[in-house]
Amino acid sequence: MKRKTEDTISNLEEMAGEKSKEKYILKLYVTGMTPRSMKAVMNIKGICEEHLKGRYELEIVDIFQQPVLAKGEQIIAAPTLIKKLPLPIRKFIGDMSNTDKILIGLDLRTKK
């Protein structure tokens, strides 16, 4: 029984190690240089630097300058953050100030 428990713990530690190496691909859709858009940019950059340092790509798309990209992603509100990878794809709407919600959605923290 002890060996099985050790194997289970070892498997969990291995999976956690792999999870911490995953690369995140994120796209943030904003509407120009509005205060809400700028706040979203600052908030998501802060979250990424604190929790994903060195393992994320963040693309910021201004839907005023590139409306076709927003239409292709079915963006209905801005700011909107899309987590492309790792799967599953997730969308977040707002100024990204609810750090716990973002971390849970990015699978970086579990619900309490």
PDB file of N, CA and C in Angstrom:
ATOM      1  N   MET A   1       0.833  -1.202   0.000  1.00  0.00           N
ATOM      2  CA  MET A   1       0.000   0.000   0.000  1.00  0.00           C
ATOM      3  C   MET A   1       0.865   1.249   0.000  1.00  0.00           C
ATOM      4  N   LYS A   2       1.953   1.190   0.773  1.00  0.00           N
ATOM      5  CA  LYS A   2       2.831   2.354   0.860  1.00  0.00           C
ATOM      6  C   LYS A   2       3.438   2.673  -0.509  1.00  0.00           C
ATOM      7  N   ARG A   3       3.807   1.640  -1.255  1.00  0.00           N
ATOM      8  CA  ARG A   3       4.407   1.843  -2.583  1.00  0.00           C
ATOM      9  C   ARG A   3       3.411   2.526  -3.526  1.00  0.00           C
ATOM     10  N   LYS A   4       2.155   2.113  -3.474  1.00  0.00           N
ATOM     11  CA  LYS A   4       1.124   2.698  -4.334  1.00  0.00           C
ATOM     12  C   LYS A   4       0.933   4.179  -4.005  1.00  0.00           C
ATOM     13  N   THR A   5       0.937   4.516  -2.735  1.00  0.00           N
ATOM     14  CA  THR A   5       0.810   5.915  -2.310  1.00  0.00           C
ATOM     15  C   THR A   5       1.994   6.732  -2.812  1.00  0.00           C
ATOM     16  N   GLU A   6       3.191   6.162  -2.708  1.00  0.00           N
ATOM     17  CA  GLU A   6       4.392   6.860  -3.190  1.00  0.00           C
ATOM     18  C   GLU A   6       4.320   7.077  -4.694  1.00  0.00           C
ATOM     19  N   ASP A   7       3.832   6.057  -5.442  1.00  0.00           N
ATOM     20  CA  ASP A   7       3.682   6.189  -6.894  1.00  0.00           C
ATOM     21  C   ASP A   7       2.681   7.283  -7.235  1.00  0.00           C
ATOM     22  N   THR A   8       1.579   7.328  -6.509  1.00  0.00           N
ATOM     23  CA  THR A   8       0.556   8.347  -6.744  1.00  0.00           C
ATOM     24  C   THR A   8       1.116   9.739  -6.487  1.00  0.00           C
ATOM     25  N   ILE A   9       1.811   9.906  -5.393  1.00  0.00           N
ATOM     26  CA  ILE A   9       2.421  11.206  -5.074  1.00  0.00           C
ATOM     27  C   ILE A   9       3.430  11.586  -6.142  1.00  0.00           C
ATOM     28  N   SER A  10       4.232  10.618  -6.571  1.00  0.00           N
ATOM     29  CA  SER A  10       5.233  10.869  -7.604  1.00  0.00           C
ATOM     30  C   SER A  10       4.565  11.304  -8.907  1.00  0.00           C
ATOM     31  N   ASN A  11       3.467  10.636  -9.285  1.00  0.00           N
ATOM     32  CA  ASN A  11       2.739  10.999 -10.507  1.00  0.00           C
ATOM     33  C   ASN A  11       2.169  12.407 -10.407  1.00  0.00           C
ATOM     34  N   LEU A  12       1.610  12.749  -9.261  1.00  0.00           N
ATOM     35  CA  LEU A  12       1.049  14.085  -9.066  1.00  0.00           C
ATOM     36  C   LEU A  12       2.137  15.149  -9.153  1.00  0.00           C
ATOM     37  N   GLU A  13       3.286  14.890  -8.551  1.00  0.00           N
ATOM     38  CA  GLU A  13       4.392  15.844  -8.603  1.00  0.00           C
ATOM     39  C   GLU A  13       4.890  16.011 -10.037  1.00  0.00           C
ATOM     40  N   GLU A  14       4.944  14.901 -10.778  1.00  0.00           N
ATOM     41  CA  GLU A  14       5.381  14.969 -12.174  1.00  0.00           C
ATOM     42  C   GLU A  14       4.411  15.786 -13.012  1.00  0.00           C
ATOM     43  N   MET A  15       3.104  15.557 -12.816  1.00  0.00           N
ATOM     44  CA  MET A  15       2.100  16.315 -13.565  1.00  0.00           C
ATOM     45  C   MET A  15       2.166  17.792 -13.207  1.00  0.00           C
ATOM     46  N   ALA A  16       2.376  18.114 -11.945  1.00  0.00           N
ATOM     47  CA  ALA A  16       2.487  19.515 -11.518  1.00  0.00           C
ATOM     48  C   ALA A  16       3.714  20.156 -12.157  1.00  0.00           C
ATOM     49  N   GLY A  17       4.803  19.422 -12.235  1.00  0.00           N
ATOM     50  CA  GLY A  17       6.010  19.941 -12.872  1.00  0.00           C
ATOM     51  C   GLY A  17       5.799  20.219 -14.350  1.00  0.00           C
ATOM     52  N   GLU A  18       5.093  19.311 -15.030  1.00  0.00           N
ATOM     53  CA  GLU A  18       4.790  19.520 -16.450  1.00  0.00           C
ATOM     54  C   GLU A  18       3.866  20.718 -16.623  1.00  0.00           C
ATOM     55  N   LYS A  19       2.896  20.854 -15.758  1.00  0.00           N
ATOM     56  CA  LYS A  19       1.945  21.966 -15.829  1.00  0.00           C
ATOM     57  C   LYS A  19       2.675  23.296 -15.672  1.00  0.00           C
ATOM     58  N   SER A  20       3.686  23.342 -14.814  1.00  0.00           N
ATOM     59  CA  SER A  20       4.399  24.590 -14.580  1.00  0.00           C
ATOM     60  C   SER A  20       5.311  24.970 -15.749  1.00  0.00           C
ATOM     61  N   LYS A  21       5.481  24.064 -16.715  1.00  0.00           N
ATOM     62  CA  LYS A  21       6.314  24.357 -17.884  1.00  0.00           C
ATOM     63  C   LYS A  21       5.481  24.693 -19.111  1.00  0.00           C
ATOM     64  N   GLU A  22       4.163  24.567 -19.012  1.00  0.00           N
ATOM     65  CA  GLU A  22       3.295  24.833 -20.155  1.00  0.00           C
ATOM     66  C   GLU A  22       3.420  26.282 -20.603  1.00  0.00           C
ATOM     67  N   LYS A  23       3.413  26.476 -21.917  1.00  0.00           N
ATOM     68  CA  LYS A  23       3.456  27.820 -22.482  1.00  0.00           C
ATOM     69  C   LYS A  23       2.020  28.294 -22.693  1.00  0.00           C
ATOM     70  N   TYR A  24       1.773  29.515 -22.294  1.00  0.00           N
ATOM     71  CA  TYR A  24       0.448  30.120 -22.435  1.00  0.00           C
ATOM     72  C   TYR A  24       0.447  31.082 -23.612  1.00  0.00           C
ATOM     73  N   ILE A  25      -0.549  30.945 -24.470  1.00  0.00           N
ATOM     74  CA  ILE A  25      -0.751  31.855 -25.591  1.00  0.00           C
ATOM     75  C   ILE A  25      -2.024  32.637 -25.286  1.00  0.00           C
ATOM     76  N   LEU A  26      -1.877  33.952 -25.118  1.00  0.00           N
ATOM     77  CA  LEU A  26      -2.988  34.825 -24.732  1.00  0.00           C
ATOM     78  C   LEU A  26      -3.144  35.957 -25.731  1.00  0.00           C
ATOM     79  N   LYS A  27      -4.395  36.329 -25.989  1.00  0.00           N
ATOM     80  CA  LYS A  27      -4.698  37.499 -26.819  1.00  0.00           C
ATOM     81  C   LYS A  27      -5.648  38.391 -26.041  1.00  0.00           C
ATOM     82  N   LEU A  28      -5.278  39.660 -25.948  1.00  0.00           N
ATOM     83  CA  LEU A  28      -6.122  40.642 -25.278  1.00  0.00           C
ATOM     84  C   LEU A  28      -6.658  41.609 -26.324  1.00  0.00           C
ATOM     85  N   TYR A  29      -7.964  41.658 -26.466  1.00  0.00           N
ATOM     86  CA  TYR A  29      -8.621  42.562 -27.408  1.00  0.00           C
ATOM     87  C   TYR A  29      -9.074  43.803 -26.645  1.00  0.00           C
ATOM     88  N   VAL A  30      -8.639  44.967 -27.121  1.00  0.00           N
ATOM     89  CA  VAL A  30      -8.964  46.240 -26.479  1.00  0.00           C
ATOM     90  C   VAL A  30      -9.543  47.197 -27.507  1.00  0.00           C
ATOM     91  N   THR A  31     -10.107  48.295 -27.014  1.00  0.00           N
ATOM     92  CA  THR A  31     -10.684  49.326 -27.883  1.00  0.00           C
ATOM     93  C   THR A  31      -9.882  50.607 -27.727  1.00  0.00           C
ATOM     94  N   GLY A  32      -8.815  50.716 -28.477  1.00  0.00           N
ATOM     95  CA  GLY A  32      -7.999  51.929 -28.432  1.00  0.00           C
ATOM     96  C   GLY A  32      -7.270  52.082 -27.108  1.00  0.00           C
ATOM     97  N   MET A  33      -7.010  53.327 -26.767  1.00  0.00           N
ATOM     98  CA  MET A  33      -6.235  53.648 -25.563  1.00  0.00           C
ATOM     99  C   MET A  33      -7.143  54.176 -24.451  1.00  0.00           C
ATOM    100  N   THR A  34      -8.316  53.604 -24.311  1.00  0.00           N
ATOM    101  CA  THR A  34      -9.243  54.039 -23.274  1.00  0.00           C
ATOM    102  C   THR A  34      -8.694  53.657 -21.902  1.00  0.00           C
ATOM    103  N   PRO A  35      -9.127  54.335 -20.845  1.00  0.00           N
ATOM    104  CA  PRO A  35      -8.665  53.972 -19.500  1.00  0.00           C
ATOM    105  C   PRO A  35      -8.940  52.506 -19.159  1.00  0.00           C
ATOM    106  N   ARG A  36     -10.100  51.999 -19.541  1.00  0.00           N
ATOM    107  CA  ARG A  36     -10.446  50.593 -19.260  1.00  0.00           C
ATOM    108  C   ARG A  36      -9.512  49.640 -20.010  1.00  0.00           C
ATOM    109  N   SER A  37      -9.212  49.966 -21.258  1.00  0.00           N
ATOM    110  CA  SER A  37      -8.292  49.137 -22.041  1.00  0.00           C
ATOM    111  C   SER A  37      -6.894  49.159 -21.437  1.00  0.00           C
ATOM    112  N   MET A  38      -6.432  50.329 -21.060  1.00  0.00           N
ATOM    113  CA  MET A  38      -5.091  50.448 -20.480  1.00  0.00           C
ATOM    114  C   MET A  38      -5.007  49.694 -19.147  1.00  0.00           C
ATOM    115  N   LYS A  39      -6.092  49.764 -18.367  1.00  0.00           N
ATOM    116  CA  LYS A  39      -6.119  49.045 -17.088  1.00  0.00           C
ATOM    117  C   LYS A  39      -6.052  47.540 -17.332  1.00  0.00           C
ATOM    118  N   ALA A  40      -6.781  47.065 -18.339  1.00  0.00           N
ATOM    119  CA  ALA A  40      -6.759  45.636 -18.666  1.00  0.00           C
ATOM    120  C   ALA A  40      -5.357  45.197 -19.084  1.00  0.00           C
ATOM    121  N   VAL A  41      -4.694  46.014 -19.896  1.00  0.00           N
ATOM    122  CA  VAL A  41      -3.336  45.695 -20.342  1.00  0.00           C
ATOM    123  C   VAL A  41      -2.399  45.613 -19.138  1.00  0.00           C
ATOM    124  N   MET A  42      -2.445  46.610 -18.279  1.00  0.00           N
ATOM    125  CA  MET A  42      -1.575  46.622 -17.106  1.00  0.00           C
ATOM    126  C   MET A  42      -1.863  45.438 -16.180  1.00  0.00           C
ATOM    127  N   ASN A  43      -3.146  45.158 -15.960  1.00  0.00           N
ATOM    128  CA  ASN A  43      -3.514  44.057 -15.061  1.00  0.00           C
ATOM    129  C   ASN A  43      -3.053  42.706 -15.592  1.00  0.00           C
ATOM    130  N   ILE A  44      -3.305  42.430 -16.872  1.00  0.00           N
ATOM    131  CA  ILE A  44      -2.937  41.110 -17.396  1.00  0.00           C
ATOM    132  C   ILE A  44      -1.422  40.972 -17.514  1.00  0.00           C
ATOM    133  N   LYS A  45      -0.725  42.054 -17.828  1.00  0.00           N
ATOM    134  CA  LYS A  45       0.737  41.987 -17.857  1.00  0.00           C
ATOM    135  C   LYS A  45       1.286  41.689 -16.464  1.00  0.00           C
ATOM    136  N   GLY A  46       0.708  42.303 -15.449  1.00  0.00           N
ATOM    137  CA  GLY A  46       1.132  42.050 -14.074  1.00  0.00           C
ATOM    138  C   GLY A  46       0.891  40.604 -13.658  1.00  0.00           C
ATOM    139  N   ILE A  47      -0.283  40.087 -13.997  1.00  0.00           N
ATOM    140  CA  ILE A  47      -0.607  38.697 -13.680  1.00  0.00           C
ATOM    141  C   ILE A  47       0.361  37.753 -14.387  1.00  0.00           C
ATOM    142  N   CYS A  48       0.598  38.014 -15.661  1.00  0.00           N
ATOM    143  CA  CYS A  48       1.502  37.147 -16.432  1.00  0.00           C
ATOM    144  C   CYS A  48       2.922  37.182 -15.886  1.00  0.00           C
ATOM    145  N   GLU A  49       3.408  38.362 -15.573  1.00  0.00           N
ATOM    146  CA  GLU A  49       4.777  38.466 -15.065  1.00  0.00           C
ATOM    147  C   GLU A  49       4.927  37.799 -13.701  1.00  0.00           C
ATOM    148  N   GLU A  50       3.894  37.870 -12.892  1.00  0.00           N
ATOM    149  CA  GLU A  50       3.969  37.270 -11.561  1.00  0.00           C
ATOM    150  C   GLU A  50       3.794  35.755 -11.589  1.00  0.00           C
ATOM    151  N   HIS A  51       2.898  35.253 -12.451  1.00  0.00           N
ATOM    152  CA  HIS A  51       2.530  33.843 -12.392  1.00  0.00           C
ATOM    153  C   HIS A  51       2.997  33.011 -13.587  1.00  0.00           C
ATOM    154  N   LEU A  52       3.380  33.666 -14.689  1.00  0.00           N
ATOM    155  CA  LEU A  52       3.770  32.930 -15.894  1.00  0.00           C
ATOM    156  C   LEU A  52       5.103  33.400 -16.470  1.00  0.00           C
ATOM    157  N   LYS A  53       5.903  34.047 -15.674  1.00  0.00           N
ATOM    158  CA  LYS A  53       7.141  34.660 -16.159  1.00  0.00           C
ATOM    159  C   LYS A  53       7.953  33.685 -17.015  1.00  0.00           C
ATOM    160  N   GLY A  54       8.253  34.133 -18.246  1.00  0.00           N
ATOM    161  CA  GLY A  54       9.077  33.354 -19.151  1.00  0.00           C
ATOM    162  C   GLY A  54       8.354  32.249 -19.900  1.00  0.00           C
ATOM    163  N   ARG A  55       7.050  32.101 -19.677  1.00  0.00           N
ATOM    164  CA  ARG A  55       6.338  31.024 -20.368  1.00  0.00           C
ATOM    165  C   ARG A  55       4.972  31.465 -20.898  1.00  0.00           C
ATOM    166  N   TYR A  56       4.945  32.694 -21.397  1.00  0.00           N
ATOM    167  CA  TYR A  56       3.698  33.168 -21.993  1.00  0.00           C
ATOM    168  C   TYR A  56       3.988  34.079 -23.176  1.00  0.00           C
ATOM    169  N   GLU A  57       3.025  34.122 -24.089  1.00  0.00           N
ATOM    170  CA  GLU A  57       3.002  35.097 -25.175  1.00  0.00           C
ATOM    171  C   GLU A  57       1.709  35.866 -25.029  1.00  0.00           C
ATOM    172  N   LEU A  58       1.808  37.169 -24.992  1.00  0.00           N
ATOM    173  CA  LEU A  58       0.628  38.018 -24.877  1.00  0.00           C
ATOM    174  C   LEU A  58       0.586  38.940 -26.087  1.00  0.00           C
ATOM    175  N   GLU A  59      -0.457  38.786 -26.873  1.00  0.00           N
ATOM    176  CA  GLU A  59      -0.671  39.663 -28.026  1.00  0.00           C
ATOM    177  C   GLU A  59      -1.815  40.603 -27.694  1.00  0.00           C
ATOM    178  N   ILE A  60      -1.592  41.892 -27.921  1.00  0.00           N
ATOM    179  CA  ILE A  60      -2.633  42.885 -27.669  1.00  0.00           C
ATOM    180  C   ILE A  60      -3.147  43.360 -29.015  1.00  0.00           C
ATOM    181  N   VAL A  61      -4.448  43.237 -29.205  1.00  0.00           N
ATOM    182  CA  VAL A  61      -5.086  43.582 -30.479  1.00  0.00           C
ATOM    183  C   VAL A  61      -6.059  44.721 -30.236  1.00  0.00           C
ATOM    184  N   ASP A  62      -5.850  45.823 -30.943  1.00  0.00           N
ATOM    185  CA  ASP A  62      -6.774  46.957 -30.888  1.00  0.00           C
ATOM    186  C   ASP A  62      -7.847  46.723 -31.946  1.00  0.00           C
ATOM    187  N   ILE A  63      -9.076  46.499 -31.508  1.00  0.00           N
ATOM    188  CA  ILE A  63     -10.126  46.168 -32.467  1.00  0.00           C
ATOM    189  C   ILE A  63     -10.540  47.360 -33.327  1.00  0.00           C
ATOM    190  N   PHE A  64     -10.149  48.572 -32.946  1.00  0.00           N
ATOM    191  CA  PHE A  64     -10.379  49.718 -33.825  1.00  0.00           C
ATOM    192  C   PHE A  64      -9.443  49.651 -35.027  1.00  0.00           C
ATOM    193  N   GLN A  65      -8.218  49.206 -34.815  1.00  0.00           N
ATOM    194  CA  GLN A  65      -7.230  49.127 -35.886  1.00  0.00           C
ATOM    195  C   GLN A  65      -7.326  47.829 -36.679  1.00  0.00           C
ATOM    196  N   GLN A  66      -7.797  46.755 -36.041  1.00  0.00           N
ATOM    197  CA  GLN A  66      -7.884  45.453 -36.699  1.00  0.00           C
ATOM    198  C   GLN A  66      -9.241  44.789 -36.427  1.00  0.00           C
ATOM    199  N   PRO A  67     -10.313  45.374 -36.942  1.00  0.00           N
ATOM    200  CA  PRO A  67     -11.651  44.844 -36.651  1.00  0.00           C
ATOM    201  C   PRO A  67     -11.884  43.432 -37.188  1.00  0.00           C
ATOM    202  N   VAL A  68     -11.192  43.055 -38.248  1.00  0.00           N
ATOM    203  CA  VAL A  68     -11.374  41.721 -38.819  1.00  0.00           C
ATOM    204  C   VAL A  68     -10.946  40.647 -37.822  1.00  0.00           C
ATOM    205  N   LEU A  69      -9.877  40.905 -37.069  1.00  0.00           N
ATOM    206  CA  LEU A  69      -9.417  39.935 -36.073  1.00  0.00           C
ATOM    207  C   LEU A  69     -10.457  39.733 -34.983  1.00  0.00           C
ATOM    208  N   ALA A  70     -11.107  40.800 -34.584  1.00  0.00           N
ATOM    209  CA  ALA A  70     -12.133  40.704 -33.543  1.00  0.00           C
ATOM    210  C   ALA A  70     -13.347  39.919 -34.052  1.00  0.00           C
ATOM    211  N   LYS A  71     -13.701  40.150 -35.299  1.00  0.00           N
ATOM    212  CA  LYS A  71     -14.844  39.443 -35.864  1.00  0.00           C
ATOM    213  C   LYS A  71     -14.557  37.947 -35.956  1.00  0.00           C
ATOM    214  N   GLY A  72     -13.333  37.599 -36.344  1.00  0.00           N
ATOM    215  CA  GLY A  72     -12.950  36.197 -36.457  1.00  0.00           C
ATOM    216  C   GLY A  72     -12.988  35.471 -35.125  1.00  0.00           C
ATOM    217  N   GLU A  73     -12.757  36.186 -34.042  1.00  0.00           N
ATOM    218  CA  GLU A  73     -12.782  35.590 -32.701  1.00  0.00           C
ATOM    219  C   GLU A  73     -14.138  35.760 -32.022  1.00  0.00           C
ATOM    220  N   GLN A  74     -15.079  36.368 -32.720  1.00  0.00           N
ATOM    221  CA  GLN A  74     -16.422  36.618 -32.182  1.00  0.00           C
ATOM    222  C   GLN A  74     -16.372  37.432 -30.893  1.00  0.00           C
ATOM    223  N   ILE A  75     -15.598  38.507 -30.918  1.00  0.00           N
ATOM    224  CA  ILE A  75     -15.483  39.403 -29.772  1.00  0.00           C
ATOM    225  C   ILE A  75     -16.719  40.295 -29.741  1.00  0.00           C
ATOM    226  N   ILE A  76     -17.447  40.257 -28.633  1.00  0.00           N
ATOM    227  CA  ILE A  76     -18.663  41.067 -28.521  1.00  0.00           C
ATOM    228  C   ILE A  76     -18.522  42.188 -27.497  1.00  0.00           C
ATOM    229  N   ALA A  77     -17.443  42.146 -26.715  1.00  0.00           N
ATOM    230  CA  ALA A  77     -17.179  43.180 -25.714  1.00  0.00           C
ATOM    231  C   ALA A  77     -15.669  43.327 -25.577  1.00  0.00           C
ATOM    232  N   ALA A  78     -15.266  44.492 -25.135  1.00  0.00           N
ATOM    233  CA  ALA A  78     -13.830  44.714 -24.932  1.00  0.00           C
ATOM    234  C   ALA A  78     -13.650  45.496 -23.642  1.00  0.00           C
ATOM    235  N   PRO A  79     -12.588  45.232 -22.948  1.00  0.00           N
ATOM    236  CA  PRO A  79     -11.525  44.284 -23.230  1.00  0.00           C
ATOM    237  C   PRO A  79     -11.963  42.830 -23.036  1.00  0.00           C
ATOM    238  N   THR A  80     -11.405  41.959 -23.892  1.00  0.00           N
ATOM    239  CA  THR A  80     -11.612  40.522 -23.795  1.00  0.00           C
ATOM    240  C   THR A  80     -10.266  39.836 -23.911  1.00  0.00           C
ATOM    241  N   LEU A  81      -9.994  38.926 -22.992  1.00  0.00           N
ATOM    242  CA  LEU A  81      -8.782  38.118 -23.022  1.00  0.00           C
ATOM    243  C   LEU A  81      -9.170  36.710 -23.452  1.00  0.00           C
ATOM    244  N   ILE A  82      -8.412  36.161 -24.410  1.00  0.00           N
ATOM    245  CA  ILE A  82      -8.634  34.785 -24.835  1.00  0.00           C
ATOM    246  C   ILE A  82      -7.380  33.980 -24.522  1.00  0.00           C
ATOM    247  N   LYS A  83      -7.583  32.896 -23.792  1.00  0.00           N
ATOM    248  CA  LYS A  83      -6.491  31.947 -23.541  1.00  0.00           C
ATOM    249  C   LYS A  83      -6.582  30.892 -24.633  1.00  0.00           C
ATOM    250  N   LYS A  84      -5.624  30.904 -25.560  1.00  0.00           N
ATOM    251  CA  LYS A  84      -5.604  29.947 -26.665  1.00  0.00           C
ATOM    252  C   LYS A  84      -4.996  28.623 -26.227  1.00  0.00           C
ATOM    253  N   LEU A  85      -3.875  28.703 -25.555  1.00  0.00           N
ATOM    254  CA  LEU A  85      -3.174  27.521 -25.054  1.00  0.00           C
ATOM    255  C   LEU A  85      -2.715  27.788 -23.643  1.00  0.00           C
ATOM    256  N   PRO A  86      -2.614  26.784 -22.816  1.00  0.00           N
ATOM    257  CA  PRO A  86      -3.032  25.405 -23.054  1.00  0.00           C
ATOM    258  C   PRO A  86      -4.554  25.293 -23.095  1.00  0.00           C
ATOM    259  N   LEU A  87      -5.009  24.262 -23.759  1.00  0.00           N
ATOM    260  CA  LEU A  87      -6.440  24.024 -23.875  1.00  0.00           C
ATOM    261  C   LEU A  87      -7.033  23.723 -22.506  1.00  0.00           C
ATOM    262  N   PRO A  88      -8.272  23.985 -22.257  1.00  0.00           N
ATOM    263  CA  PRO A  88      -9.296  24.484 -23.159  1.00  0.00           C
ATOM    264  C   PRO A  88      -9.194  25.997 -23.354  1.00  0.00           C
ATOM    265  N   ILE A  89      -9.714  26.451 -24.486  1.00  0.00           N
ATOM    266  CA  ILE A  89      -9.772  27.886 -24.764  1.00  0.00           C
ATOM    267  C   ILE A  89     -10.736  28.518 -23.770  1.00  0.00           C
ATOM    268  N   ARG A  90     -10.335  29.672 -23.252  1.00  0.00           N
ATOM    269  CA  ARG A  90     -11.200  30.397 -22.308  1.00  0.00           C
ATOM    270  C   ARG A  90     -11.220  31.868 -22.675  1.00  0.00           C
ATOM    271  N   LYS A  91     -12.336  32.535 -22.358  1.00  0.00           N
ATOM    272  CA  LYS A  91     -12.475  33.974 -22.593  1.00  0.00           C
ATOM    273  C   LYS A  91     -12.811  34.667 -21.281  1.00  0.00           C
ATOM    274  N   PHE A  92     -12.224  35.853 -21.116  1.00  0.00           N
ATOM    275  CA  PHE A  92     -12.470  36.690 -19.942  1.00  0.00           C
ATOM    276  C   PHE A  92     -12.826  38.076 -20.438  1.00  0.00           C
ATOM    277  N   ILE A  93     -13.872  38.651 -19.889  1.00  0.00           N
ATOM    278  CA  ILE A  93     -14.299  39.989 -20.296  1.00  0.00           C
ATOM    279  C   ILE A  93     -14.143  40.931 -19.119  1.00  0.00           C
ATOM    280  N   GLY A  94     -13.616  42.127 -19.384  1.00  0.00           N
ATOM    281  CA  GLY A  94     -13.474  43.127 -18.333  1.00  0.00           C
ATOM    282  C   GLY A  94     -12.058  43.653 -18.260  1.00  0.00           C
ATOM    283  N   ASP A  95     -11.771  44.362 -17.176  1.00  0.00           N
ATOM    284  CA  ASP A  95     -10.467  45.023 -17.062  1.00  0.00           C
ATOM    285  C   ASP A  95      -9.404  44.149 -16.403  1.00  0.00           C
ATOM    286  N   MET A  96      -9.691  42.882 -16.209  1.00  0.00           N
ATOM    287  CA  MET A  96      -8.754  41.888 -15.673  1.00  0.00           C
ATOM    288  C   MET A  96      -8.316  42.207 -14.241  1.00  0.00           C
ATOM    289  N   SER A  97      -9.136  42.948 -13.510  1.00  0.00           N
ATOM    290  CA  SER A  97      -8.768  43.335 -12.147  1.00  0.00           C
ATOM    291  C   SER A  97      -9.104  42.260 -11.111  1.00  0.00           C
ATOM    292  N   ASN A  98      -9.941  41.283 -11.467  1.00  0.00           N
ATOM    293  CA  ASN A  98     -10.265  40.190 -10.543  1.00  0.00           C
ATOM    294  C   ASN A  98      -9.215  39.095 -10.723  1.00  0.00           C
ATOM    295  N   THR A  99      -8.092  39.268 -10.057  1.00  0.00           N
ATOM    296  CA  THR A  99      -6.946  38.373 -10.228  1.00  0.00           C
ATOM    297  C   THR A  99      -7.299  36.926  -9.931  1.00  0.00           C
ATOM    298  N   ASP A 100      -8.048  36.670  -8.863  1.00  0.00           N
ATOM    299  CA  ASP A 100      -8.414  35.289  -8.527  1.00  0.00           C
ATOM    300  C   ASP A 100      -9.199  34.633  -9.661  1.00  0.00           C
ATOM    301  N   LYS A 101     -10.149  35.348 -10.222  1.00  0.00           N
ATOM    302  CA  LYS A 101     -10.954  34.810 -11.320  1.00  0.00           C
ATOM    303  C   LYS A 101     -10.078  34.490 -12.524  1.00  0.00           C
ATOM    304  N   ILE A 102      -9.139  35.365 -12.836  1.00  0.00           N
ATOM    305  CA  ILE A 102      -8.238  35.145 -13.966  1.00  0.00           C
ATOM    306  C   ILE A 102      -7.346  33.936 -13.695  1.00  0.00           C
ATOM    307  N   LEU A 103      -6.784  33.851 -12.499  1.00  0.00           N
ATOM    308  CA  LEU A 103      -5.897  32.734 -12.164  1.00  0.00           C
ATOM    309  C   LEU A 103      -6.638  31.396 -12.199  1.00  0.00           C
ATOM    310  N   ILE A 104      -7.861  31.376 -11.718  1.00  0.00           N
ATOM    311  CA  ILE A 104      -8.661  30.152 -11.769  1.00  0.00           C
ATOM    312  C   ILE A 104      -8.956  29.798 -13.224  1.00  0.00           C
ATOM    313  N   GLY A 105      -9.322  30.778 -14.027  1.00  0.00           N
ATOM    314  CA  GLY A 105      -9.625  30.545 -15.436  1.00  0.00           C
ATOM    315  C   GLY A 105      -8.419  30.103 -16.245  1.00  0.00           C
ATOM    316  N   LEU A 106      -7.240  30.537 -15.834  1.00  0.00           N
ATOM    317  CA  LEU A 106      -6.007  30.124 -16.508  1.00  0.00           C
ATOM    318  C   LEU A 106      -5.481  28.800 -15.942  1.00  0.00           C
ATOM    319  N   ASP A 107      -6.205  28.217 -15.017  1.00  0.00           N
ATOM    320  CA  ASP A 107      -5.804  26.975 -14.342  1.00  0.00           C
ATOM    321  C   ASP A 107      -4.497  27.137 -13.569  1.00  0.00           C
ATOM    322  N   LEU A 108      -4.295  28.305 -13.002  1.00  0.00           N
ATOM    323  CA  LEU A 108      -3.123  28.550 -12.186  1.00  0.00           C
ATOM    324  C   LEU A 108      -3.452  28.488 -10.700  1.00  0.00           C
ATOM    325  N   ARG A 109      -4.720  28.440 -10.391  1.00  0.00           N
ATOM    326  CA  ARG A 109      -5.185  28.341  -8.999  1.00  0.00           C
ATOM    327  C   ARG A 109      -6.504  27.587  -9.013  1.00  0.00           C
ATOM    328  N   THR A 110      -6.729  26.811  -7.979  1.00  0.00           N
ATOM    329  CA  THR A 110      -7.986  26.082  -7.884  1.00  0.00           C
ATOM    330  C   THR A 110      -8.988  26.904  -7.083  1.00  0.00           C
ATOM    331  N   LYS A 111     -10.267  26.612  -7.312  1.00  0.00           N
ATOM    332  CA  LYS A 111     -11.317  27.284  -6.558  1.00  0.00           C
ATOM    333  C   LYS A 111     -11.193  26.925  -5.099  1.00  0.00           C
ATOM    334  N   LYS A 112     -11.488  27.897  -4.240  1.00  0.00           N
ATOM    335  CA  LYS A 112     -11.409  27.651  -2.795  1.00  0.00           C
ATOM    336  C   LYS A 112     -12.707  27.135  -2.257  1.00  0.00           C
TER     337      LYS A 112
END
